[in-house]
């Protein structure tokens, strides 16, 4: 209920997820810091920011594990600002139909535990910045439950862990489509590449991979 949220905010005003200054979800100084955080380049994946940056890491952890969902809105907007020029040629896209923004889905188990999909919240914010983009959560789904990729260190084991984990709900929606696939954090890129593979096999014409941080 909104009045409960308002009361809680009154008792416990928000503090910046980056530097802990009171009164902000994310203060202007930290927003500007994130804008100037440049990631290592990653083949095939458009990356917004560096996960090695302590402020970027703190903000993503606050979103993911402390349920500070408003941070997803800010990160989605910053991600759009950062990579839209990079992908505009690829996005030259579909001149006659909307481009689908598809978040990497969570397993049902993890979604129930967390209560939300942080990649979906970021993707929603990203898509809201551009009238040619449309959020689509009814395309990609995740079978069963796997170990978190972050808990697996060998690349070969990461590939095995994620193999065959994704499915497509409606292939008709993918025929000739351009997809922007969005995840929060990328390490080896195994998860995104597995999702890319199933989307292409199911009829997507073009899939552009995007992540908040690496």
C-alpha atoms as a PDB file:
ATOM      1  CA  UNK A   1       0.000   0.000   0.000  1.00  0.00           C
ATOM      2  CA  UNK A   2       1.292   3.458  -0.931  1.00  0.00           C
ATOM      3  CA  UNK A   3       0.677   5.033   2.491  1.00  0.00           C
ATOM      4  CA  UNK A   4       2.790   2.306   4.144  1.00  0.00           C
ATOM      5  CA  UNK A   5       5.642   2.968   1.687  1.00  0.00           C
ATOM      6  CA  UNK A   6       5.359   6.717   2.376  1.00  0.00           C
ATOM      7  CA  UNK A   7       5.408   6.109   6.148  1.00  0.00           C
ATOM      8  CA  UNK A   8       8.470   3.845   5.871  1.00  0.00           C
ATOM      9  CA  UNK A   9      10.258   6.455   3.739  1.00  0.00           C
ATOM     10  CA  UNK A  10       9.431   9.086   6.387  1.00  0.00           C
ATOM     11  CA  UNK A  11      10.911   6.906   9.153  1.00  0.00           C
ATOM     12  CA  UNK A  12      13.843   5.688   7.067  1.00  0.00           C
ATOM     13  CA  UNK A  13      14.660   8.216   4.323  1.00  0.00           C
ATOM     14  CA  UNK A  14      16.584   6.723   1.392  1.00  0.00           C
ATOM     15  CA  UNK A  15      20.331   7.009   1.221  1.00  0.00           C
ATOM     16  CA  UNK A  16      22.414   6.994  -1.937  1.00  0.00           C
ATOM     17  CA  UNK A  17      23.303   3.426  -2.941  1.00  0.00           C
ATOM     18  CA  UNK A  18      26.675   4.670  -4.170  1.00  0.00           C
ATOM     19  CA  UNK A  19      27.980   6.896  -1.355  1.00  0.00           C
ATOM     20  CA  UNK A  20      25.262   6.648   1.353  1.00  0.00           C
ATOM     21  CA  UNK A  21      24.496  10.388   1.465  1.00  0.00           C
ATOM     22  CA  UNK A  22      20.956  10.722   2.800  1.00  0.00           C
ATOM     23  CA  UNK A  23      17.922  11.765   0.795  1.00  0.00           C
ATOM     24  CA  UNK A  24      18.638  10.105  -2.572  1.00  0.00           C
ATOM     25  CA  UNK A  25      18.260   6.701  -4.188  1.00  0.00           C
ATOM     26  CA  UNK A  26      21.350   7.703  -6.165  1.00  0.00           C
ATOM     27  CA  UNK A  27      22.866  11.170  -5.808  1.00  0.00           C
ATOM     28  CA  UNK A  28      23.913  13.357  -8.763  1.00  0.00           C
ATOM     29  CA  UNK A  29      27.594  12.915  -7.910  1.00  0.00           C
ATOM     30  CA  UNK A  30      27.307   9.113  -8.122  1.00  0.00           C
ATOM     31  CA  UNK A  31      25.184   9.302 -11.286  1.00  0.00           C
ATOM     32  CA  UNK A  32      27.909  11.393 -12.913  1.00  0.00           C
ATOM     33  CA  UNK A  33      30.542   8.961 -11.620  1.00  0.00           C
ATOM     34  CA  UNK A  34      28.697   6.040 -13.248  1.00  0.00           C
ATOM     35  CA  UNK A  35      28.423   7.988 -16.522  1.00  0.00           C
ATOM     36  CA  UNK A  36      32.232   8.160 -16.495  1.00  0.00           C
ATOM     37  CA  UNK A  37      32.740   4.485 -15.678  1.00  0.00           C
ATOM     38  CA  UNK A  38      33.878   2.805 -18.880  1.00  0.00           C
ATOM     39  CA  UNK A  39      33.935  -1.006 -19.165  1.00  0.00           C
ATOM     40  CA  UNK A  40      36.392  -3.312 -20.839  1.00  0.00           C
ATOM     41  CA  UNK A  41      35.265  -4.082 -24.362  1.00  0.00           C
ATOM     42  CA  UNK A  42      33.539  -7.422 -24.827  1.00  0.00           C
ATOM     43  CA  UNK A  43      33.087  -9.097 -28.227  1.00  0.00           C
ATOM     44  CA  UNK A  44      29.437  -9.211 -29.348  1.00  0.00           C
ATOM     45  CA  UNK A  45      28.033  -7.519 -26.212  1.00  0.00           C
ATOM     46  CA  UNK A  46      27.370  -3.793 -25.748  1.00  0.00           C
ATOM     47  CA  UNK A  47      28.339  -3.000 -22.146  1.00  0.00           C
ATOM     48  CA  UNK A  48      27.246   0.110 -20.254  1.00  0.00           C
ATOM     49  CA  UNK A  49      29.612   0.366 -17.294  1.00  0.00           C
ATOM     50  CA  UNK A  50      32.478  -1.297 -15.431  1.00  0.00           C
ATOM     51  CA  UNK A  51      31.557  -3.760 -12.690  1.00  0.00           C
ATOM     52  CA  UNK A  52      35.087  -3.258 -11.363  1.00  0.00           C
ATOM     53  CA  UNK A  53      34.046   0.263 -10.388  1.00  0.00           C
ATOM     54  CA  UNK A  54      33.091   0.144  -6.670  1.00  0.00           C
ATOM     55  CA  UNK A  55      30.119   2.504  -7.051  1.00  0.00           C
ATOM     56  CA  UNK A  56      28.691   0.584 -10.022  1.00  0.00           C
ATOM     57  CA  UNK A  57      29.100  -2.653  -8.048  1.00  0.00           C
ATOM     58  CA  UNK A  58      27.425  -1.232  -4.919  1.00  0.00           C
ATOM     59  CA  UNK A  59      24.474   0.104  -6.915  1.00  0.00           C
ATOM     60  CA  UNK A  60      23.892  -3.198  -8.732  1.00  0.00           C
ATOM     61  CA  UNK A  61      24.140  -5.160  -5.479  1.00  0.00           C
ATOM     62  CA  UNK A  62      21.680  -2.776  -3.794  1.00  0.00           C
ATOM     63  CA  UNK A  63      19.228  -3.329  -6.658  1.00  0.00           C
ATOM     64  CA  UNK A  64      19.664  -7.081  -6.766  1.00  0.00           C
ATOM     65  CA  UNK A  65      19.998  -8.074  -3.127  1.00  0.00           C
ATOM     66  CA  UNK A  66      18.516  -5.186  -1.129  1.00  0.00           C
ATOM     67  CA  UNK A  67      15.480  -4.789  -3.398  1.00  0.00           C
ATOM     68  CA  UNK A  68      16.064  -1.106  -4.148  1.00  0.00           C
ATOM     69  CA  UNK A  69      14.033  -1.311  -7.331  1.00  0.00           C
ATOM     70  CA  UNK A  70      14.061   2.434  -8.080  1.00  0.00           C
ATOM     71  CA  UNK A  71      17.741   2.019  -8.959  1.00  0.00           C
ATOM     72  CA  UNK A  72      16.699  -0.040 -12.004  1.00  0.00           C
ATOM     73  CA  UNK A  73      14.935   2.990 -13.469  1.00  0.00           C
ATOM     74  CA  UNK A  74      18.084   5.116 -13.129  1.00  0.00           C
ATOM     75  CA  UNK A  75      20.361   2.374 -14.483  1.00  0.00           C
ATOM     76  CA  UNK A  76      18.053   1.766 -17.464  1.00  0.00           C
ATOM     77  CA  UNK A  77      18.143   5.455 -18.364  1.00  0.00           C
ATOM     78  CA  UNK A  78      21.941   5.644 -17.978  1.00  0.00           C
ATOM     79  CA  UNK A  79      22.374   2.475 -20.039  1.00  0.00           C
ATOM     80  CA  UNK A  80      20.209   3.917 -22.828  1.00  0.00           C
ATOM     81  CA  UNK A  81      22.282   7.130 -22.848  1.00  0.00           C
ATOM     82  CA  UNK A  82      25.516   5.141 -22.993  1.00  0.00           C
ATOM     83  CA  UNK A  83      24.832   2.642 -25.729  1.00  0.00           C
ATOM     84  CA  UNK A  84      22.077   4.003 -27.964  1.00  0.00           C
ATOM     85  CA  UNK A  85      24.550   5.656 -30.362  1.00  0.00           C
ATOM     86  CA  UNK A  86      26.618   2.465 -30.520  1.00  0.00           C
ATOM     87  CA  UNK A  87      23.631   0.413 -31.598  1.00  0.00           C
ATOM     88  CA  UNK A  88      21.856   2.998 -33.780  1.00  0.00           C
ATOM     89  CA  UNK A  89      23.352   1.602 -36.982  1.00  0.00           C
ATOM     90  CA  UNK A  90      22.373  -1.927 -35.977  1.00  0.00           C
ATOM     91  CA  UNK A  91      19.036  -0.556 -34.809  1.00  0.00           C
ATOM     92  CA  UNK A  92      18.621   1.056 -38.225  1.00  0.00           C
ATOM     93  CA  UNK A  93      16.806  -1.693 -37.374  1.00  0.00           C
ATOM     94  CA  UNK A  94      13.259  -2.028 -38.244  1.00  0.00           C
ATOM     95  CA  UNK A  95      11.936   1.033 -39.891  1.00  0.00           C
ATOM     96  CA  UNK A  96       8.396  -0.275 -40.065  1.00  0.00           C
ATOM     97  CA  UNK A  97       7.878  -2.027 -36.744  1.00  0.00           C
ATOM     98  CA  UNK A  98       8.881  -1.742 -33.126  1.00  0.00           C
ATOM     99  CA  UNK A  99      12.016  -3.369 -31.785  1.00  0.00           C
ATOM    100  CA  UNK A 100      11.466  -5.759 -28.871  1.00  0.00           C
ATOM    101  CA  UNK A 101      13.480  -5.245 -25.686  1.00  0.00           C
ATOM    102  CA  UNK A 102      13.764  -8.663 -24.018  1.00  0.00           C
ATOM    103  CA  UNK A 103      15.219  -9.133 -20.514  1.00  0.00           C
ATOM    104  CA  UNK A 104      17.131 -12.276 -19.554  1.00  0.00           C
ATOM    105  CA  UNK A 105      14.530 -14.196 -17.512  1.00  0.00           C
ATOM    106  CA  UNK A 106      15.026 -15.654 -14.032  1.00  0.00           C
ATOM    107  CA  UNK A 107      14.002 -19.173 -13.065  1.00  0.00           C
ATOM    108  CA  UNK A 108      10.638 -19.394 -11.267  1.00  0.00           C
ATOM    109  CA  UNK A 109      12.458 -20.386  -8.075  1.00  0.00           C
ATOM    110  CA  UNK A 110      14.759 -17.366  -8.115  1.00  0.00           C
ATOM    111  CA  UNK A 111      11.939 -15.029  -9.142  1.00  0.00           C
ATOM    112  CA  UNK A 112       9.863 -16.247  -6.183  1.00  0.00           C
ATOM    113  CA  UNK A 113      12.814 -15.804  -3.810  1.00  0.00           C
ATOM    114  CA  UNK A 114      13.692 -12.306  -5.011  1.00  0.00           C
ATOM    115  CA  UNK A 115      10.210 -11.104  -5.895  1.00  0.00           C
ATOM    116  CA  UNK A 116      11.304  -9.361  -9.103  1.00  0.00           C
ATOM    117  CA  UNK A 117      13.644  -9.686 -12.080  1.00  0.00           C
ATOM    118  CA  UNK A 118      16.197  -6.866 -11.950  1.00  0.00           C
ATOM    119  CA  UNK A 119      17.027  -7.257 -15.659  1.00  0.00           C
ATOM    120  CA  UNK A 120      13.346  -6.826 -16.520  1.00  0.00           C
ATOM    121  CA  UNK A 121      13.139  -3.605 -14.466  1.00  0.00           C
ATOM    122  CA  UNK A 122      16.238  -2.208 -16.206  1.00  0.00           C
ATOM    123  CA  UNK A 123      14.869  -3.272 -19.618  1.00  0.00           C
ATOM    124  CA  UNK A 124      11.523  -1.582 -18.867  1.00  0.00           C
ATOM    125  CA  UNK A 125      13.285   1.698 -18.051  1.00  0.00           C
ATOM    126  CA  UNK A 126      15.537   1.376 -21.138  1.00  0.00           C
ATOM    127  CA  UNK A 127      12.556   0.771 -23.453  1.00  0.00           C
ATOM    128  CA  UNK A 128      10.595   3.695 -21.992  1.00  0.00           C
ATOM    129  CA  UNK A 129      13.190   6.124 -23.377  1.00  0.00           C
ATOM    130  CA  UNK A 130      12.412   5.411 -27.044  1.00  0.00           C
ATOM    131  CA  UNK A 131       9.059   5.153 -28.826  1.00  0.00           C
ATOM    132  CA  UNK A 132      10.516   2.642 -31.311  1.00  0.00           C
ATOM    133  CA  UNK A 133      11.214   0.189 -28.481  1.00  0.00           C
ATOM    134  CA  UNK A 134       8.726  -2.137 -26.828  1.00  0.00           C
ATOM    135  CA  UNK A 135       9.341  -4.270 -23.720  1.00  0.00           C
ATOM    136  CA  UNK A 136       8.543  -7.950 -24.375  1.00  0.00           C
ATOM    137  CA  UNK A 137       8.447 -10.354 -21.431  1.00  0.00           C
ATOM    138  CA  UNK A 138       6.370 -12.973 -23.263  1.00  0.00           C
ATOM    139  CA  UNK A 139       9.074 -14.255 -25.613  1.00  0.00           C
ATOM    140  CA  UNK A 140      11.889 -15.875 -23.619  1.00  0.00           C
ATOM    141  CA  UNK A 141      11.554 -18.125 -20.570  1.00  0.00           C
ATOM    142  CA  UNK A 142      13.872 -20.196 -18.408  1.00  0.00           C
ATOM    143  CA  UNK A 143      13.515 -23.952 -17.820  1.00  0.00           C
ATOM    144  CA  UNK A 144      14.028 -25.249 -14.287  1.00  0.00           C
ATOM    145  CA  UNK A 145      16.695 -23.861 -11.975  1.00  0.00           C
ATOM    146  CA  UNK A 146      20.485 -23.739 -12.328  1.00  0.00           C
ATOM    147  CA  UNK A 147      23.362 -22.676 -10.099  1.00  0.00           C
ATOM    148  CA  UNK A 148      24.071 -18.925 -10.236  1.00  0.00           C
ATOM    149  CA  UNK A 149      26.686 -18.342 -12.962  1.00  0.00           C
ATOM    150  CA  UNK A 150      28.604 -16.105 -10.520  1.00  0.00           C
ATOM    151  CA  UNK A 151      29.278 -19.169  -8.325  1.00  0.00           C
ATOM    152  CA  UNK A 152      30.994 -21.055 -11.182  1.00  0.00           C
ATOM    153  CA  UNK A 153      34.551 -20.078 -12.059  1.00  0.00           C
ATOM    154  CA  UNK A 154      35.542 -22.285 -15.003  1.00  0.00           C
ATOM    155  CA  UNK A 155      34.265 -21.120 -18.384  1.00  0.00           C
ATOM    156  CA  UNK A 156      33.578 -24.703 -19.517  1.00  0.00           C
ATOM    157  CA  UNK A 157      31.430 -25.338 -16.433  1.00  0.00           C
ATOM    158  CA  UNK A 158      29.533 -22.068 -16.975  1.00  0.00           C
ATOM    159  CA  UNK A 159      28.703 -23.150 -20.526  1.00  0.00           C
ATOM    160  CA  UNK A 160      27.514 -26.568 -19.316  1.00  0.00           C
ATOM    161  CA  UNK A 161      25.458 -25.018 -16.492  1.00  0.00           C
ATOM    162  CA  UNK A 162      23.504 -22.739 -18.844  1.00  0.00           C
ATOM    163  CA  UNK A 163      23.168 -25.125 -21.821  1.00  0.00           C
ATOM    164  CA  UNK A 164      19.565 -25.627 -22.956  1.00  0.00           C
ATOM    165  CA  UNK A 165      18.174 -23.517 -20.117  1.00  0.00           C
ATOM    166  CA  UNK A 166      16.135 -21.096 -22.285  1.00  0.00           C
ATOM    167  CA  UNK A 167      12.990 -21.639 -24.287  1.00  0.00           C
ATOM    168  CA  UNK A 168      10.766 -19.479 -26.490  1.00  0.00           C
ATOM    169  CA  UNK A 169       7.065 -19.009 -25.680  1.00  0.00           C
ATOM    170  CA  UNK A 170       5.828 -17.758 -29.036  1.00  0.00           C
ATOM    171  CA  UNK A 171       7.901 -18.242 -32.171  1.00  0.00           C
ATOM    172  CA  UNK A 172       5.414 -16.207 -34.200  1.00  0.00           C
ATOM    173  CA  UNK A 173       6.535 -13.076 -32.330  1.00  0.00           C
ATOM    174  CA  UNK A 174      10.132 -13.724 -33.388  1.00  0.00           C
ATOM    175  CA  UNK A 175       9.741 -14.143 -37.144  1.00  0.00           C
ATOM    176  CA  UNK A 176      11.952 -11.488 -38.741  1.00  0.00           C
ATOM    177  CA  UNK A 177      12.149  -9.567 -35.439  1.00  0.00           C
ATOM    178  CA  UNK A 178      14.955  -7.385 -34.124  1.00  0.00           C
ATOM    179  CA  UNK A 179      15.605  -8.044 -30.440  1.00  0.00           C
ATOM    180  CA  UNK A 180      17.562  -6.065 -27.862  1.00  0.00           C
ATOM    181  CA  UNK A 181      18.482  -8.650 -25.219  1.00  0.00           C
ATOM    182  CA  UNK A 182      19.283  -7.075 -21.838  1.00  0.00           C
ATOM    183  CA  UNK A 183      21.030  -8.499 -18.759  1.00  0.00           C
ATOM    184  CA  UNK A 184      22.350  -6.821 -15.627  1.00  0.00           C
ATOM    185  CA  UNK A 185      25.883  -8.224 -15.200  1.00  0.00           C
ATOM    186  CA  UNK A 186      27.992 -10.146 -17.715  1.00  0.00           C
ATOM    187  CA  UNK A 187      31.123 -12.109 -16.814  1.00  0.00           C
ATOM    188  CA  UNK A 188      31.930 -14.547 -19.627  1.00  0.00           C
ATOM    189  CA  UNK A 189      28.782 -13.837 -21.641  1.00  0.00           C
ATOM    190  CA  UNK A 190      27.721 -17.512 -21.562  1.00  0.00           C
ATOM    191  CA  UNK A 191      24.146 -16.746 -20.452  1.00  0.00           C
ATOM    192  CA  UNK A 192      23.565 -14.127 -23.134  1.00  0.00           C
ATOM    193  CA  UNK A 193      25.077 -16.248 -25.877  1.00  0.00           C
ATOM    194  CA  UNK A 194      22.868 -19.202 -24.931  1.00  0.00           C
ATOM    195  CA  UNK A 195      19.798 -16.943 -25.081  1.00  0.00           C
ATOM    196  CA  UNK A 196      21.030 -15.488 -28.396  1.00  0.00           C
ATOM    197  CA  UNK A 197      21.283 -18.993 -29.846  1.00  0.00           C
ATOM    198  CA  UNK A 198      17.679 -19.970 -29.022  1.00  0.00           C
ATOM    199  CA  UNK A 199      16.288 -16.618 -30.229  1.00  0.00           C
ATOM    200  CA  UNK A 200      18.069 -16.932 -33.584  1.00  0.00           C
ATOM    201  CA  UNK A 201      17.036 -20.572 -33.999  1.00  0.00           C
ATOM    202  CA  UNK A 202      13.444 -19.541 -33.292  1.00  0.00           C
ATOM    203  CA  UNK A 203      13.349 -16.976 -36.100  1.00  0.00           C
ATOM    204  CA  UNK A 204      14.726 -13.658 -34.800  1.00  0.00           C
ATOM    205  CA  UNK A 205      16.375 -11.735 -37.637  1.00  0.00           C
ATOM    206  CA  UNK A 206      18.769  -9.768 -35.433  1.00  0.00           C
ATOM    207  CA  UNK A 207      19.652  -9.987 -31.740  1.00  0.00           C
ATOM    208  CA  UNK A 208      21.691  -7.202 -30.134  1.00  0.00           C
ATOM    209  CA  UNK A 209      23.228  -8.086 -26.759  1.00  0.00           C
ATOM    210  CA  UNK A 210      23.298  -5.390 -24.054  1.00  0.00           C
ATOM    211  CA  UNK A 211      24.400  -5.519 -20.397  1.00  0.00           C
ATOM    212  CA  UNK A 212      24.526  -2.928 -17.645  1.00  0.00           C
ATOM    213  CA  UNK A 213      28.001  -3.918 -16.481  1.00  0.00           C
ATOM    214  CA  UNK A 214      30.996  -6.172 -17.074  1.00  0.00           C
END
